[in-house]
C-alpha atoms as a PDB file:
ATOM      1  CA  MET A   1     -84.906 137.593  64.024  1.00  0.00           C
ATOM      2  CA  GLU A   2     -86.783 136.335  61.105  1.00  0.00           C
ATOM      3  CA  GLN A   3     -85.226 136.589  57.719  1.00  0.00           C
ATOM      4  CA  GLN A   4     -87.225 139.159  55.187  1.00  0.00           C
ATOM      5  CA  THR A   5     -86.007 140.907  51.903  1.00  0.00           C
ATOM      6  CA  TYR A   6     -86.456 144.573  52.288  1.00  0.00           C
ATOM      7  CA  LYS A   7     -86.080 146.355  48.989  1.00  0.00           C
ATOM      8  CA  THR A   8     -85.294 149.932  50.094  1.00  0.00           C
ATOM      9  CA  ASP A   9     -83.007 151.570  52.693  1.00  0.00           C
ATOM     10  CA  ALA A  10     -86.065 153.534  54.337  1.00  0.00           C
ATOM     11  CA  ALA A  11     -87.575 150.301  54.885  1.00  0.00           C
ATOM     12  CA  ILE A  12     -84.601 148.764  56.570  1.00  0.00           C
ATOM     13  CA  TYR A  13     -84.015 152.174  58.162  1.00  0.00           C
ATOM     14  CA  ALA A  14     -87.226 151.953  59.947  1.00  0.00           C
ATOM     15  CA  VAL A  15     -86.960 148.364  61.562  1.00  0.00           C
ATOM     16  CA  LEU A  16     -83.563 149.459  62.815  1.00  0.00           C
ATOM     17  CA  GLU A  17     -84.604 152.801  63.776  1.00  0.00           C
ATOM     18  CA  ARG A  18     -87.264 151.220  66.040  1.00  0.00           C
ATOM     19  CA  GLU A  19     -85.486 148.591  67.735  1.00  0.00           C
ATOM     20  CA  ILE A  20     -82.690 151.279  68.891  1.00  0.00           C
ATOM     21  CA  ILE A  21     -85.634 153.514  69.994  1.00  0.00           C
ATOM     22  CA  ASP A  22     -87.306 150.520  71.804  1.00  0.00           C
ATOM     23  CA  LEU A  23     -84.170 149.566  73.053  1.00  0.00           C
ATOM     24  CA  THR A  24     -84.511 145.755  71.056  1.00  0.00           C
ATOM     25  CA  ILE A  25     -80.468 146.631  70.332  1.00  0.00           C
ATOM     26  CA  ARG A  26     -79.091 148.291  73.184  1.00  0.00           C
ATOM     27  CA  PRO A  27     -77.171 151.197  73.468  1.00  0.00           C
ATOM     28  CA  GLY A  28     -73.386 150.111  73.053  1.00  0.00           C
ATOM     29  CA  SER A  29     -74.366 146.897  70.952  1.00  0.00           C
ATOM     30  CA  SER A  30     -72.325 146.398  67.688  1.00  0.00           C
ATOM     31  CA  LEU A  31     -74.064 146.250  64.393  1.00  0.00           C
ATOM     32  CA  SER A  32     -72.286 144.411  61.908  1.00  0.00           C
ATOM     33  CA  GLU A  33     -72.757 144.415  58.168  1.00  0.00           C
ATOM     34  CA  ASN A  34     -72.615 140.890  57.197  1.00  0.00           C
ATOM     35  CA  PRO A  35     -75.326 140.110  59.707  1.00  0.00           C
ATOM     36  CA  LEU A  36     -77.694 142.791  58.628  1.00  0.00           C
ATOM     37  CA  CYS A  37     -77.405 141.871  55.098  1.00  0.00           C
ATOM     38  CA  THR A  38     -78.008 138.302  55.945  1.00  0.00           C
ATOM     39  CA  ARG A  39     -81.207 139.578  57.893  1.00  0.00           C
ATOM     40  CA  PHE A  40     -82.563 141.969  55.696  1.00  0.00           C
ATOM     41  CA  GLY A  41     -81.950 139.990  52.430  1.00  0.00           C
ATOM     42  CA  ALA A  42     -79.981 143.250  51.284  1.00  0.00           C
ATOM     43  CA  PRO A  43     -76.625 143.860  49.873  1.00  0.00           C
ATOM     44  CA  ARG A  44     -73.839 145.713  51.313  1.00  0.00           C
ATOM     45  CA  SER A  45     -74.218 148.745  49.839  1.00  0.00           C
ATOM     46  CA  LEU A  46     -77.704 149.658  50.662  1.00  0.00           C
ATOM     47  CA  ILE A  47     -77.014 148.548  54.529  1.00  0.00           C
ATOM     48  CA  ARG A  48     -74.048 151.097  54.536  1.00  0.00           C
ATOM     49  CA  VAL A  49     -76.565 153.741  53.419  1.00  0.00           C
ATOM     50  CA  VAL A  50     -78.807 152.556  56.281  1.00  0.00           C
ATOM     51  CA  LEU A  51     -76.114 152.551  58.489  1.00  0.00           C
ATOM     52  CA  GLN A  52     -74.726 156.255  57.426  1.00  0.00           C
ATOM     53  CA  LYS A  53     -78.352 157.215  57.854  1.00  0.00           C
ATOM     54  CA  LEU A  54     -78.613 155.988  61.476  1.00  0.00           C
ATOM     55  CA  GLN A  55     -75.273 157.885  62.298  1.00  0.00           C
ATOM     56  CA  GLU A  56     -76.594 161.332  61.064  1.00  0.00           C
ATOM     57  CA  ASN A  57     -79.042 161.289  63.166  1.00  0.00           C
ATOM     58  CA  GLY A  58     -77.047 160.335  66.125  1.00  0.00           C
ATOM     59  CA  LEU A  59     -78.274 156.461  66.880  1.00  0.00           C
ATOM     60  CA  VAL A  60     -74.927 154.706  65.731  1.00  0.00           C
ATOM     61  CA  LYS A  61     -70.946 155.678  65.269  1.00  0.00           C
ATOM     62  CA  ILE A  62     -69.188 154.557  62.832  1.00  0.00           C
ATOM     63  CA  VAL A  63     -65.401 153.818  63.414  1.00  0.00           C
ATOM     64  CA  PRO A  64     -63.564 153.058  60.117  1.00  0.00           C
ATOM     65  CA  TYR A  65     -62.107 149.630  60.089  1.00  0.00           C
ATOM     66  CA  LYS A  66     -63.673 148.948  63.512  1.00  0.00           C
ATOM     67  CA  GLY A  67     -67.131 148.792  62.950  1.00  0.00           C
ATOM     68  CA  THR A  68     -70.669 150.076  63.805  1.00  0.00           C
ATOM     69  CA  THR A  69     -71.631 150.591  67.571  1.00  0.00           C
ATOM     70  CA  VAL A  70     -74.828 152.018  68.340  1.00  0.00           C
ATOM     71  CA  THR A  71     -74.755 155.233  70.674  1.00  0.00           C
ATOM     72  CA  ARG A  72     -74.968 155.425  74.319  1.00  0.00           C
ATOM     73  CA  LEU A  73     -76.905 157.972  75.915  1.00  0.00           C
ATOM     74  CA  ASN A  74     -75.549 161.264  77.010  1.00  0.00           C
ATOM     75  CA  ARG A  75     -77.026 162.196  80.138  1.00  0.00           C
ATOM     76  CA  ARG A  76     -76.261 165.777  80.083  1.00  0.00           C
ATOM     77  CA  ILE A  77     -78.206 166.128  76.623  1.00  0.00           C
ATOM     78  CA  VAL A  78     -81.199 164.230  77.940  1.00  0.00           C
ATOM     79  CA  ASP A  79     -81.265 166.813  81.021  1.00  0.00           C
ATOM     80  CA  GLU A  80     -81.282 169.664  78.639  1.00  0.00           C
ATOM     81  CA  LEU A  81     -83.932 168.316  76.289  1.00  0.00           C
ATOM     82  CA  ILE A  82     -86.428 168.040  79.328  1.00  0.00           C
ATOM     83  CA  TYR A  83     -84.994 171.286  80.347  1.00  0.00           C
ATOM     84  CA  GLU A  84     -85.722 172.528  76.536  1.00  0.00           C
ATOM     85  CA  ARG A  85     -89.474 171.001  76.236  1.00  0.00           C
ATOM     86  CA  THR A  86     -90.152 171.713  79.774  1.00  0.00           C
ATOM     87  CA  ALA A  87     -90.211 175.387  78.995  1.00  0.00           C
ATOM     88  CA  VAL A  88     -91.606 175.453  75.313  1.00  0.00           C
ATOM     89  CA  GLU A  89     -94.384 173.153  76.145  1.00  0.00           C
ATOM     90  CA  ALA A  90     -95.761 175.150  78.886  1.00  0.00           C
ATOM     91  CA  ARG A  91     -95.551 178.413  77.005  1.00  0.00           C
ATOM     92  CA  VAL A  92     -97.374 176.532  74.194  1.00  0.00           C
ATOM     93  CA  LEU A  93    -100.090 175.139  77.069  1.00  0.00           C
ATOM     94  CA  ARG A  94    -100.599 178.978  78.559  1.00  0.00           C
ATOM     95  CA  ASP A  95    -101.260 180.400  75.045  1.00  0.00           C
ATOM     96  CA  PHE A  96    -103.378 177.210  74.013  1.00  0.00           C
ATOM     97  CA  SER A  97    -105.688 176.934  77.037  1.00  0.00           C
ATOM     98  CA  PRO A  98    -107.962 180.094  76.164  1.00  0.00           C
ATOM     99  CA  ARG A  99    -108.339 179.375  72.765  1.00  0.00           C
ATOM    100  CA  CYS A 100    -109.089 175.576  73.143  1.00  0.00           C
ATOM    101  CA  THR A 101    -112.477 174.871  71.685  1.00  0.00           C
ATOM    102  CA  PRO A 102    -114.851 172.211  72.907  1.00  0.00           C
ATOM    103  CA  GLU A 103    -113.727 169.923  69.561  1.00  0.00           C
ATOM    104  CA  GLN A 104    -110.294 170.237  70.543  1.00  0.00           C
ATOM    105  CA  ARG A 105    -111.108 169.414  73.991  1.00  0.00           C
ATOM    106  CA  ALA A 106    -112.960 166.373  72.949  1.00  0.00           C
ATOM    107  CA  LEU A 107    -109.925 165.199  70.769  1.00  0.00           C
ATOM    108  CA  ILE A 108    -107.466 165.708  73.736  1.00  0.00           C
ATOM    109  CA  ARG A 109    -109.893 163.488  75.877  1.00  0.00           C
ATOM    110  CA  LYS A 110    -110.190 160.581  73.448  1.00  0.00           C
ATOM    111  CA  ARG A 111    -106.117 160.972  72.847  1.00  0.00           C
ATOM    112  CA  ALA A 112    -105.801 160.464  76.715  1.00  0.00           C
ATOM    113  CA  ALA A 113    -108.457 157.723  76.820  1.00  0.00           C
ATOM    114  CA  ALA A 114    -106.578 155.683  73.838  1.00  0.00           C
ATOM    115  CA  TYR A 115    -103.330 156.004  76.165  1.00  0.00           C
ATOM    116  CA  GLU A 116    -104.865 154.694  79.348  1.00  0.00           C
ATOM    117  CA  ALA A 117    -106.401 151.648  77.317  1.00  0.00           C
ATOM    118  CA  LEU A 118    -102.762 150.530  76.130  1.00  0.00           C
ATOM    119  CA  ALA A 119    -101.425 151.222  79.634  1.00  0.00           C
ATOM    120  CA  HIS A 120    -104.046 148.968  81.054  1.00  0.00           C
ATOM    121  CA  ALA A 121    -103.291 146.189  78.833  1.00  0.00           C
ATOM    122  CA  GLU A 122    -102.163 142.993  80.182  1.00  0.00           C
ATOM    123  CA  HIS A 123     -99.030 142.932  78.311  1.00  0.00           C
ATOM    124  CA  PRO A 124     -98.408 147.073  77.136  1.00  0.00           C
ATOM    125  CA  ASP A 125     -97.112 147.567  73.654  1.00  0.00           C
ATOM    126  CA  PHE A 126     -94.709 150.176  74.515  1.00  0.00           C
ATOM    127  CA  ASN A 127     -94.081 151.427  70.981  1.00  0.00           C
ATOM    128  CA  ARG A 128     -97.897 151.735  70.755  1.00  0.00           C
ATOM    129  CA  LEU A 129     -97.463 153.891  74.330  1.00  0.00           C
ATOM    130  CA  TYR A 130     -94.942 155.984  72.965  1.00  0.00           C
ATOM    131  CA  GLU A 131     -96.682 156.913  69.711  1.00  0.00           C
ATOM    132  CA  ALA A 132    -100.218 157.681  71.637  1.00  0.00           C
ATOM    133  CA  ASP A 133     -98.358 159.835  74.159  1.00  0.00           C
ATOM    134  CA  ARG A 134     -96.735 161.723  71.066  1.00  0.00           C
ATOM    135  CA  LEU A 135    -100.152 162.260  69.720  1.00  0.00           C
ATOM    136  CA  LEU A 136    -101.682 163.501  72.975  1.00  0.00           C
ATOM    137  CA  HIS A 137     -98.879 166.042  73.492  1.00  0.00           C
ATOM    138  CA  GLU A 138     -98.759 166.941  69.397  1.00  0.00           C
ATOM    139  CA  THR A 139    -102.680 168.152  70.314  1.00  0.00           C
ATOM    140  CA  TRP A 140    -101.873 171.715  71.484  1.00  0.00           C
ATOM    141  CA  PHE A 141     -98.507 172.556  69.227  1.00  0.00           C
ATOM    142  CA  ALA A 142    -100.813 171.572  66.588  1.00  0.00           C
ATOM    143  CA  ALA A 143    -103.924 173.917  67.570  1.00  0.00           C
ATOM    144  CA  MET A 144    -101.480 176.674  68.253  1.00  0.00           C
ATOM    145  CA  ASP A 145     -99.825 176.211  64.610  1.00  0.00           C
ATOM    146  CA  LYS A 146     -96.318 175.478  66.086  1.00  0.00           C
ATOM    147  CA  MET A 147     -95.784 171.924  64.103  1.00  0.00           C
ATOM    148  CA  TYR A 148     -92.239 173.202  62.882  1.00  0.00           C
ATOM    149  CA  LEU A 149     -91.442 173.702  66.821  1.00  0.00           C
ATOM    150  CA  TRP A 150     -92.962 170.215  67.718  1.00  0.00           C
ATOM    151  CA  SER A 151     -91.264 168.638  64.943  1.00  0.00           C
ATOM    152  CA  THR A 152     -87.843 170.194  66.119  1.00  0.00           C
ATOM    153  CA  LEU A 153     -88.482 168.979  69.789  1.00  0.00           C
ATOM    154  CA  GLN A 154     -89.063 165.564  68.336  1.00  0.00           C
ATOM    155  CA  ASN A 155     -86.321 165.076  66.065  1.00  0.00           C
ATOM    156  CA  ALA A 156     -84.034 165.592  68.787  1.00  0.00           C
ATOM    157  CA  HIS A 157     -84.502 162.043  69.830  1.00  0.00           C
ATOM    158  CA  ALA A 158     -81.753 159.900  69.988  1.00  0.00           C
ATOM    159  CA  ASP A 159     -81.248 160.121  73.391  1.00  0.00           C
ATOM    160  CA  TYR A 160     -84.421 161.753  74.938  1.00  0.00           C
ATOM    161  CA  SER A 161     -86.712 159.252  73.113  1.00  0.00           C
ATOM    162  CA  ARG A 162     -84.327 156.090  74.306  1.00  0.00           C
ATOM    163  CA  PHE A 163     -84.324 157.609  77.713  1.00  0.00           C
ATOM    164  CA  ARG A 164     -87.996 158.069  77.803  1.00  0.00           C
ATOM    165  CA  MET A 165     -88.588 153.966  76.705  1.00  0.00           C
ATOM    166  CA  LEU A 166     -86.356 153.261  79.279  1.00  0.00           C
ATOM    167  CA  ASP A 167     -88.385 154.702  81.739  1.00  0.00           C
ATOM    168  CA  THR A 168     -91.627 153.532  80.156  1.00  0.00           C
ATOM    169  CA  MET A 169     -90.374 149.830  80.143  1.00  0.00           C
ATOM    170  CA  THR A 170     -88.798 149.561  83.600  1.00  0.00           C
ATOM    171  CA  THR A 171     -90.374 151.797  86.268  1.00  0.00           C
ATOM    172  CA  GLY A 172     -93.933 150.387  86.190  1.00  0.00           C
ATOM    173  CA  GLY A 173     -94.793 154.373  86.254  1.00  0.00           C
ATOM    174  CA  LEU A 174     -97.610 154.151  83.480  1.00  0.00           C
ATOM    175  CA  ALA A 175     -99.993 155.181  86.759  1.00  0.00           C
ATOM    176  CA  GLU A 176     -98.634 158.349  87.574  1.00  0.00           C
ATOM    177  CA  VAL A 177     -98.316 159.289  83.351  1.00  0.00           C
ATOM    178  CA  ILE A 178    -102.023 158.794  83.346  1.00  0.00           C
ATOM    179  CA  ALA A 179    -102.244 161.204  86.441  1.00  0.00           C
ATOM    180  CA  ASP A 180     -99.962 163.703  85.068  1.00  0.00           C
ATOM    181  CA  HIS A 181    -102.069 163.562  81.883  1.00  0.00           C
ATOM    182  CA  ARG A 182    -105.593 164.178  83.446  1.00  0.00           C
ATOM    183  CA  ASN A 183    -103.799 167.212  85.617  1.00  0.00           C
ATOM    184  CA  LEU A 184    -103.386 168.642  82.170  1.00  0.00           C
ATOM    185  CA  MET A 185    -106.502 168.423  81.070  1.00  0.00           C
ATOM    186  CA  ASN A 186    -108.148 169.565  84.156  1.00  0.00           C
ATOM    187  CA  ALA A 187    -105.857 172.747  83.791  1.00  0.00           C
ATOM    188  CA  ILE A 188    -106.900 173.428  80.426  1.00  0.00           C
ATOM    189  CA  GLU A 189    -110.323 173.006  81.083  1.00  0.00           C
ATOM    190  CA  ARG A 190    -109.983 175.467  83.874  1.00  0.00           C
ATOM    191  CA  CYS A 191    -107.986 178.092  82.132  1.00  0.00           C
ATOM    192  CA  ASP A 192    -105.297 177.542  84.965  1.00  0.00           C
ATOM    193  CA  LEU A 193    -102.630 179.078  83.579  1.00  0.00           C
ATOM    194  CA  SER A 194    -100.097 179.420  86.539  1.00  0.00           C
ATOM    195  CA  ALA A 195    -101.042 175.763  86.901  1.00  0.00           C
ATOM    196  CA  PHE A 196     -99.049 174.509  83.291  1.00  0.00           C
ATOM    197  CA  GLU A 197     -95.152 174.861  84.312  1.00  0.00           C
ATOM    198  CA  PRO A 198     -95.370 173.101  87.663  1.00  0.00           C
ATOM    199  CA  LEU A 199     -97.269 170.344  85.758  1.00  0.00           C
ATOM    200  CA  VAL A 200     -95.259 169.894  82.674  1.00  0.00           C
ATOM    201  CA  GLU A 201     -92.028 170.223  84.912  1.00  0.00           C
ATOM    202  CA  ARG A 202     -93.422 166.939  87.093  1.00  0.00           C
ATOM    203  CA  HIS A 203     -94.779 165.213  83.819  1.00  0.00           C
ATOM    204  CA  LEU A 204     -91.362 165.756  81.983  1.00  0.00           C
ATOM    205  CA  TYR A 205     -88.783 165.129  84.766  1.00  0.00           C
ATOM    206  CA  GLY A 206     -90.763 161.950  85.856  1.00  0.00           C
ATOM    207  CA  GLY A 207     -88.710 159.655  84.366  1.00  0.00           C
ATOM    208  CA  ILE A 208     -85.443 161.109  86.071  1.00  0.00           C
ATOM    209  CA  ARG A 209     -87.456 160.854  89.169  1.00  0.00           C
ATOM    210  CA  ARG A 210     -88.625 157.329  88.806  1.00  0.00           C
ATOM    211  CA  LEU A 211     -85.379 155.715  87.540  1.00  0.00           C
ATOM    212  CA  GLY A 212     -83.652 157.628  90.464  1.00  0.00           C
ATOM    213  CA  SER A 213     -80.194 155.244  91.173  1.00  0.00           C
ATOM    214  CA  LYS A 214     -80.974 152.693  88.343  1.00  0.00           C
ATOM    215  CA  LEU A 215     -79.365 155.613  85.972  1.00  0.00           C
ATOM    216  CA  THR A 216     -76.028 155.132  87.601  1.00  0.00           C
ATOM    217  CA  GLU A 217     -76.313 151.645  88.580  1.00  0.00           C
ATOM    218  CA  GLU A 218     -78.420 149.117  86.781  1.00  0.00           C
ATOM    219  CA  TYR A 219     -78.414 151.016  83.851  1.00  0.00           C
ATOM    220  CA  ALA A 220     -75.209 152.751  83.778  1.00  0.00           C
ATOM    221  CA  ASP A 221     -73.849 151.212  80.891  1.00  0.00           C
ATOM    222  CA  TYR A 222     -76.706 152.500  78.443  1.00  0.00           C
ATOM    223  CA  PHE A 223     -75.049 156.198  78.858  1.00  0.00           C
ATOM    224  CA  GLU A 224     -71.857 157.474  78.301  1.00  0.00           C
ATOM    225  CA  PRO A 225     -69.297 157.962  81.025  1.00  0.00           C
ATOM    226  CA  GLU A 226     -69.320 161.328  82.938  1.00  0.00           C
ATOM    227  CA  PRO A 227     -66.235 163.153  82.044  1.00  0.00           C
END
């Protein structure tokens, strides 16, 4: 990795957070202070502030006198976050659909098209795909003035965001995600209130379905051992 001088803890944090979320830094990896000081051209005191913030957000675990390790994903937490988001997002969509304006429909189509364009690239940028997907789903939360609720769902991301990234990068399921988005758009335009819960459930549980046995085989070391 290239050496560059970073002047603030926020700038260093943003880089490490992105690399942990997009799995450039794998779960279970060690993060040592000296290499980080060299990489970022930063004093040890600044690196310690960054590592502490990463720990507060569930991305690393600091053990005194032993070092810092990137947390592994907790499968139970991933399951519960998907369960929570399925219930919440289906309710928001049921409330949103009868109130959806032509301008909001146009915005949804625009954001869905942006995701599709990124997905069809020869070498997809998975960070940009993640952001495009986030913006699409944010549309109905924003329209219903539920942005505090949306931010709460987004901030519980240490496990779920990495799980989504693992799915996006390894399963080749982008076509299925595009189809899910189109089905959601069609249900909004039809105002088919009964369709939202099964569509959202299929969409959000898609990663578990696509990864299947890889969760306990190929990517078992990404997750905490089952108790």
